Every structure is written in structure tokens, then in C-alpha cells.
Amino acid sequence: MIRHLLVLSLICGVMIAHPALADDDFSKNNPDVQKYEFARSYITSLSYMKEIYDRWNKNAPKKLFSDQKDIMIKATLNDLALDNSDLRIIKGYLAKYLRSPNMLIRKVSDIVVVAVSRDIAINDEEKSLWEKWYNLIAAGQATRAKEIEFVKTQHGMELRRKEADKDIVKASVLMTKVLVSDENKDGRGHLLAITAAQRQKLLDKLDSFGGDTLDWGLKPGQRTLEGSIAVIREILEDSIWISIDEK
């Protein structure tokens, strides 16, 4: 999870057409309840995704122990276990909103919980794969044919992670729609359902781990985490959006 590039950045247009955001249902499905609390939990969950991102992009075992295969494998197994710990924390932050009176909050939470659960399962599979490979090496049975099969299986897991990551970006786009106040007529307008102080607190939290990502909106080539930060940053920083206490 959060290790790779997005395939396309056209998710935003797709998600705007989501049934939960249809004009006649906007207020019904997105009432102004739990919005700040949910946004705070969502942004906090992204900070744990940043932990995973840094683990594999700054301190990857293959980089640190490229000449020590046994240590590299053990470090990889440890990192996968740490990933699952972080993923379970993310799941805990958002699972509590699955019964929210706001249907859009429920939808976003469900998308993330399902995606994270898929990643946990993939990580468990990968741990098993690495353990089997380690045993083959230790037994002197790591043939070239078995190595090719090992790499192919890993590649398949990465493709499945990419699909889960797409859902995380979809959820982030929808999360920005949660922040839109139901006082906007038919969901159209630029009034946010959070105060100026709450808005600044969300930005401060985002900056605490996402300060390197200052872009607005989705762009081709962004990583999953970068895309998620960018879409949230856009709605919080753009002055066209008015905080509810400033109307």
C-alpha cells in the first residue's frame, strides 16, 4: 500500500458523479454532522499511510541490505508486520464512522476499511511468500526457475495493491465532498461545514506529515499518498471555499 504510482488521475471526475452526491440527495446523504471529527480522523489516518510510504521508499530493506540476503528478508518480514500494524490503526480510525448518520461519511469509511483490509491480507500473503523463499535459500534449493516464479507472484501482489490504492484516492476525493456544507443549495456553492479555526487545525495536521506535498488536486504520476494530500489540501487552502463561521 502507498508504495507505487497512480495509473491515472481521472478518479476525481468519476467520483463527482457518485450517487451520494446527486443534487436532489445532497442534503439527505451529506448532512452537517460529524464532519470536522471525521476529517480529522481521515487526515490522521493518512499520517499512518505516510509511515508506510517512508518505510518502503526511504528505508527499504532491498536498499539497506542489498548484499545481505538473509538480513534483507528478515527486515522485509518485519516491515510487512509493521505495515499491518499501521493499517489496522487506520482501519480503527475509520471503522467507527461506519454507523455515522451521514451516509457519505459511511461510504468513505467503508471504501477505506475495505481497501485496508485487502492490503492486510496481501501483506500476510507476501510474508508467507518471503518465508518460503528464505527456506528455499537456506536449503540450497533456490533455483532460477523458482526465483522467476517468486518474482511473478510478487508482481501479482503489487498489481492488487495498486487496485486497493486507487480506492484510497477515490475515498480522499469523496472526503473533500464531505466537507461541503448542506447549506449549499443542491450541493452547489462554496460553503464548508467547518469553522475557520477547525479548517486551520486540519491544515496544521496535514502539514505535520504532508508538508512536502504542496500541490493542489490530482495529477498524473502522483503517488497514492501525494494525490490524497493534494485533493484535501486544495479544498482547505483555496480561498474560494468559505468557512461556515465566515458566511
Protein backbone atom coordinates (compact mmCIF):
# COMPACT_ATOMS: atom_id res chain seq x y z
CA MET A 1 0.00 0.00 0.00
CA ILE A 2 1.13 3.56 -0.77
CA ARG A 3 4.28 2.21 -2.46
CA HIS A 4 3.53 2.93 -6.08
CA LEU A 5 2.31 5.39 -8.70
CA LEU A 6 -1.26 6.01 -9.68
CA VAL A 7 -2.14 4.66 -13.10
CA LEU A 8 -4.41 7.60 -13.97
CA SER A 9 -5.65 10.70 -12.21
CA LEU A 10 -9.14 10.71 -13.65
CA ILE A 11 -10.73 9.47 -10.44
CA CYS A 12 -11.98 12.90 -9.44
CA GLY A 13 -14.36 13.19 -12.38
CA VAL A 14 -15.70 9.73 -11.74
CA MET A 15 -16.34 10.34 -8.07
CA ILE A 16 -18.16 13.64 -8.61
CA ALA A 17 -20.83 11.61 -10.34
CA HIS A 18 -21.25 9.32 -7.33
CA PRO A 19 -24.94 8.80 -6.43
CA ALA A 20 -24.35 10.09 -2.91
CA LEU A 21 -23.60 13.49 -4.44
CA ALA A 22 -26.60 13.75 -6.75
CA ASP A 23 -28.20 17.20 -6.47
CA ASP A 24 -31.54 16.10 -5.07
CA ASP A 25 -29.95 13.87 -2.43
CA PHE A 26 -27.03 16.04 -1.30
CA SER A 27 -28.50 17.30 1.97
CA LYS A 28 -30.06 13.94 2.75
CA ASN A 29 -26.84 11.96 2.25
CA ASN A 30 -24.38 14.58 3.47
CA PRO A 31 -25.93 16.43 6.44
CA ASP A 32 -23.66 18.68 8.51
CA VAL A 33 -22.89 16.17 11.27
CA GLN A 34 -19.52 14.74 12.40
CA LYS A 35 -17.73 16.49 9.53
CA TYR A 36 -14.82 18.05 11.38
CA GLU A 37 -14.33 14.99 13.56
CA PHE A 38 -14.37 12.72 10.53
CA ALA A 39 -11.98 14.90 8.52
CA ARG A 40 -9.59 14.97 11.48
CA SER A 41 -9.70 11.16 11.74
CA TYR A 42 -9.25 10.79 7.99
CA ILE A 43 -6.21 13.09 7.87
CA THR A 44 -4.74 11.33 10.91
CA SER A 45 -5.14 8.02 9.08
CA LEU A 46 -3.11 9.45 6.20
CA SER A 47 -0.25 10.09 8.63
CA TYR A 48 -0.04 6.33 9.18
CA MET A 49 -0.02 5.82 5.42
CA LYS A 50 2.96 8.20 5.40
CA GLU A 51 4.72 5.88 7.84
CA ILE A 52 4.23 3.02 5.38
CA TYR A 53 5.37 5.17 2.46
CA ASP A 54 8.59 6.20 4.24
CA ARG A 55 9.29 2.64 5.30
CA TRP A 56 9.41 1.40 1.70
CA ASN A 57 10.72 4.49 -0.08
CA LYS A 58 13.36 5.77 2.32
CA ASN A 59 14.41 2.71 4.29
CA ALA A 60 13.56 -0.22 2.04
CA PRO A 61 15.35 -3.43 3.09
CA LYS A 62 16.40 -4.08 -0.51
CA LYS A 63 18.35 -0.80 -0.41
CA LEU A 64 19.75 -1.15 3.09
CA PHE A 65 20.77 -4.81 2.88
CA SER A 66 21.29 -5.45 -0.83
CA ASP A 67 24.39 -7.59 -0.16
CA GLN A 68 22.97 -9.44 2.86
CA LYS A 69 20.13 -11.54 1.57
CA ASP A 70 19.17 -13.25 4.83
CA ILE A 71 19.09 -9.94 6.74
CA MET A 72 17.16 -8.30 3.89
CA ILE A 73 14.46 -10.97 4.03
CA LYS A 74 14.12 -10.74 7.80
CA ALA A 75 13.90 -6.94 7.58
CA THR A 76 11.24 -7.24 4.86
CA LEU A 77 9.18 -9.55 7.05
CA ASN A 78 9.48 -7.11 9.93
CA ASP A 79 8.42 -4.17 7.74
CA LEU A 80 5.40 -6.06 6.44
CA ALA A 81 4.37 -6.72 10.04
CA LEU A 82 4.80 -3.02 10.86
CA ASP A 83 2.73 -2.15 7.78
CA ASN A 84 -0.12 -4.30 9.02
CA SER A 85 0.07 -2.67 12.43
CA ASP A 86 -0.28 0.76 10.80
CA LEU A 87 -3.05 -0.46 8.51
CA ARG A 88 -5.03 -1.78 11.48
CA ILE A 89 -4.71 1.61 13.17
CA ILE A 90 -6.06 3.28 10.01
CA LYS A 91 -8.91 0.79 9.97
CA GLY A 92 -9.67 1.58 13.62
CA TYR A 93 -9.78 5.33 12.98
CA LEU A 94 -12.39 5.00 10.23
CA ALA A 95 -14.39 1.90 11.18
CA LYS A 96 -16.08 3.88 13.97
CA TYR A 97 -17.80 6.01 11.31
CA LEU A 98 -19.47 3.08 9.54
CA ARG A 99 -22.63 3.87 11.53
CA SER A 100 -22.49 7.62 11.01
CA PRO A 101 -25.82 9.40 10.36
CA ASN A 102 -24.03 10.96 7.38
CA MET A 103 -24.26 8.46 4.52
CA LEU A 104 -21.34 9.95 2.62
CA ILE A 105 -19.10 9.59 5.66
CA ARG A 106 -20.20 5.96 5.85
CA LYS A 107 -19.34 5.48 2.19
CA VAL A 108 -15.85 6.97 2.52
CA SER A 109 -15.17 4.94 5.67
CA ASP A 110 -16.33 1.74 4.00
CA ILE A 111 -14.09 2.31 0.97
CA VAL A 112 -11.02 2.79 3.17
CA VAL A 113 -11.80 -0.06 5.56
CA VAL A 114 -12.26 -2.48 2.65
CA ALA A 115 -9.10 -1.27 0.88
CA VAL A 116 -7.03 -1.51 4.06
CA SER A 117 -8.38 -4.99 4.80
CA ARG A 118 -7.34 -6.09 1.32
CA ASP A 119 -3.84 -4.72 1.90
CA ILE A 120 -3.53 -6.52 5.23
CA ALA A 121 -4.45 -9.80 3.54
CA ILE A 122 -1.94 -9.18 0.72
CA ASN A 123 0.79 -8.42 3.25
CA ASP A 124 0.06 -11.69 5.05
CA GLU A 125 0.38 -13.50 1.73
CA GLU A 126 3.65 -11.73 0.99
CA LYS A 127 5.07 -12.61 4.40
CA SER A 128 4.32 -16.26 3.70
CA LEU A 129 5.92 -15.95 0.26
CA TRP A 130 9.12 -14.47 1.69
CA GLU A 131 9.30 -17.11 4.41
CA LYS A 132 9.08 -19.89 1.82
CA TRP A 133 11.74 -18.19 -0.30
CA TYR A 134 14.01 -17.84 2.75
CA ASN A 135 13.63 -21.55 3.49
CA LEU A 136 14.46 -22.45 -0.12
CA ILE A 137 17.63 -20.34 0.06
CA ALA A 138 18.63 -21.89 3.39
CA ALA A 139 18.11 -25.39 1.96
CA GLY A 140 20.09 -24.59 -1.19
CA GLN A 141 17.00 -25.14 -3.36
CA ALA A 142 16.54 -21.60 -4.70
CA THR A 143 16.75 -22.40 -8.41
CA ARG A 144 16.45 -19.80 -11.15
CA ALA A 145 13.03 -21.18 -12.13
CA LYS A 146 11.77 -20.85 -8.55
CA GLU A 147 13.16 -17.32 -8.36
CA ILE A 148 11.26 -16.34 -11.51
CA GLU A 149 8.06 -17.78 -10.04
CA PHE A 150 8.73 -15.88 -6.80
CA VAL A 151 9.13 -12.58 -8.66
CA LYS A 152 6.00 -13.21 -10.75
CA THR A 153 3.96 -13.85 -7.61
CA GLN A 154 5.28 -10.66 -6.03
CA HIS A 155 4.35 -8.70 -9.14
CA GLY A 156 0.79 -10.03 -8.94
CA MET A 157 0.56 -8.83 -5.35
CA GLU A 158 1.76 -5.36 -6.36
CA LEU A 159 -0.95 -5.14 -9.01
CA ARG A 160 -3.55 -5.99 -6.38
CA ARG A 161 -2.12 -3.31 -4.08
CA LYS A 162 -2.43 -0.76 -6.87
CA GLU A 163 -6.14 -1.53 -7.16
CA ALA A 164 -6.58 -1.02 -3.42
CA ASP A 165 -4.62 2.24 -3.61
CA LYS A 166 -6.92 3.57 -6.33
CA ASP A 167 -9.77 3.16 -3.86
CA ILE A 168 -7.87 5.18 -1.25
CA VAL A 169 -7.62 8.10 -3.68
CA LYS A 170 -11.32 7.77 -4.53
CA ALA A 171 -12.08 7.92 -0.83
CA SER A 172 -9.92 11.05 -0.44
CA VAL A 173 -11.79 12.80 -3.26
CA LEU A 174 -15.11 11.90 -1.62
CA MET A 175 -13.81 13.06 1.75
CA THR A 176 -13.48 16.57 0.33
CA LYS A 177 -17.16 16.41 -0.63
CA VAL A 178 -17.98 15.58 2.98
CA LEU A 179 -16.59 18.98 3.99
CA VAL A 180 -19.10 20.81 1.78
CA SER A 181 -21.97 22.19 3.86
CA ASP A 182 -25.53 21.01 3.30
CA GLU A 183 -26.50 24.69 3.38
CA ASN A 184 -25.29 24.95 -0.20
CA LYS A 185 -28.31 24.70 -2.48
CA ASP A 186 -28.44 21.21 -4.01
CA GLY A 187 -24.80 20.76 -3.09
CA ARG A 188 -23.76 23.69 -5.26
CA GLY A 189 -21.84 26.50 -3.60
CA HIS A 190 -18.61 27.15 -1.75
CA LEU A 191 -19.59 26.96 1.91
CA LEU A 192 -17.69 24.48 4.09
CA ALA A 193 -19.26 22.80 7.12
CA ILE A 194 -16.27 23.61 9.35
CA THR A 195 -15.17 26.80 11.09
CA ALA A 196 -12.07 28.77 10.18
CA ALA A 197 -10.34 27.52 13.34
CA GLN A 198 -11.20 23.90 12.55
CA ARG A 199 -10.01 24.39 8.99
CA GLN A 200 -6.63 25.64 10.22
CA LYS A 201 -6.30 22.72 12.62
CA LEU A 202 -6.89 20.29 9.74
CA LEU A 203 -4.26 22.08 7.64
CA ASP A 204 -1.78 22.04 10.52
CA LYS A 205 -2.30 18.29 10.92
CA LEU A 206 -1.87 17.77 7.18
CA ASP A 207 1.30 19.87 7.17
CA SER A 208 2.76 17.90 10.07
CA PHE A 209 3.40 14.93 7.78
CA GLY A 210 2.48 16.16 4.29
CA GLY A 211 4.49 19.35 4.15
CA ASP A 212 6.47 18.06 1.17
CA THR A 213 3.31 17.83 -0.91
CA LEU A 214 2.14 21.35 -1.67
CA ASP A 215 0.33 20.60 -4.94
CA TRP A 216 -3.39 21.09 -5.36
CA GLY A 217 -5.54 18.41 -6.96
CA LEU A 218 -4.79 15.12 -8.70
CA LYS A 219 -2.08 14.98 -11.34
CA PRO A 220 -0.64 12.18 -13.49
CA GLY A 221 2.29 10.45 -11.85
CA GLN A 222 1.37 11.29 -8.26
CA ARG A 223 1.77 8.57 -5.70
CA THR A 224 -1.31 7.49 -3.82
CA LEU A 225 -0.45 9.42 -0.67
CA GLU A 226 0.58 12.53 -2.60
CA GLY A 227 -2.70 12.51 -4.53
CA SER A 228 -4.73 12.14 -1.35
CA ILE A 229 -2.91 15.01 0.35
CA ALA A 230 -3.23 17.20 -2.75
CA VAL A 231 -7.01 16.89 -3.10
CA ILE A 232 -7.56 17.61 0.60
CA ARG A 233 -5.11 20.50 0.58
CA GLU A 234 -6.94 22.10 -2.35
CA ILE A 235 -10.30 22.43 -0.61
CA LEU A 236 -8.73 23.55 2.69
CA GLU A 237 -6.40 26.15 1.18
CA ASP A 238 -8.47 27.57 -1.65
CA SER A 239 -9.97 30.91 -0.54
CA ILE A 240 -12.98 30.37 -2.79
CA TRP A 241 -14.23 27.98 -0.09
CA ILE A 242 -15.78 29.87 2.83
CA SER A 243 -15.74 28.53 6.38
CA ILE A 244 -19.20 28.26 7.92
CA ASP A 245 -18.50 30.97 10.53
CA GLU A 246 -17.38 33.41 7.83
CA LYS A 247 -20.51 33.39 5.68
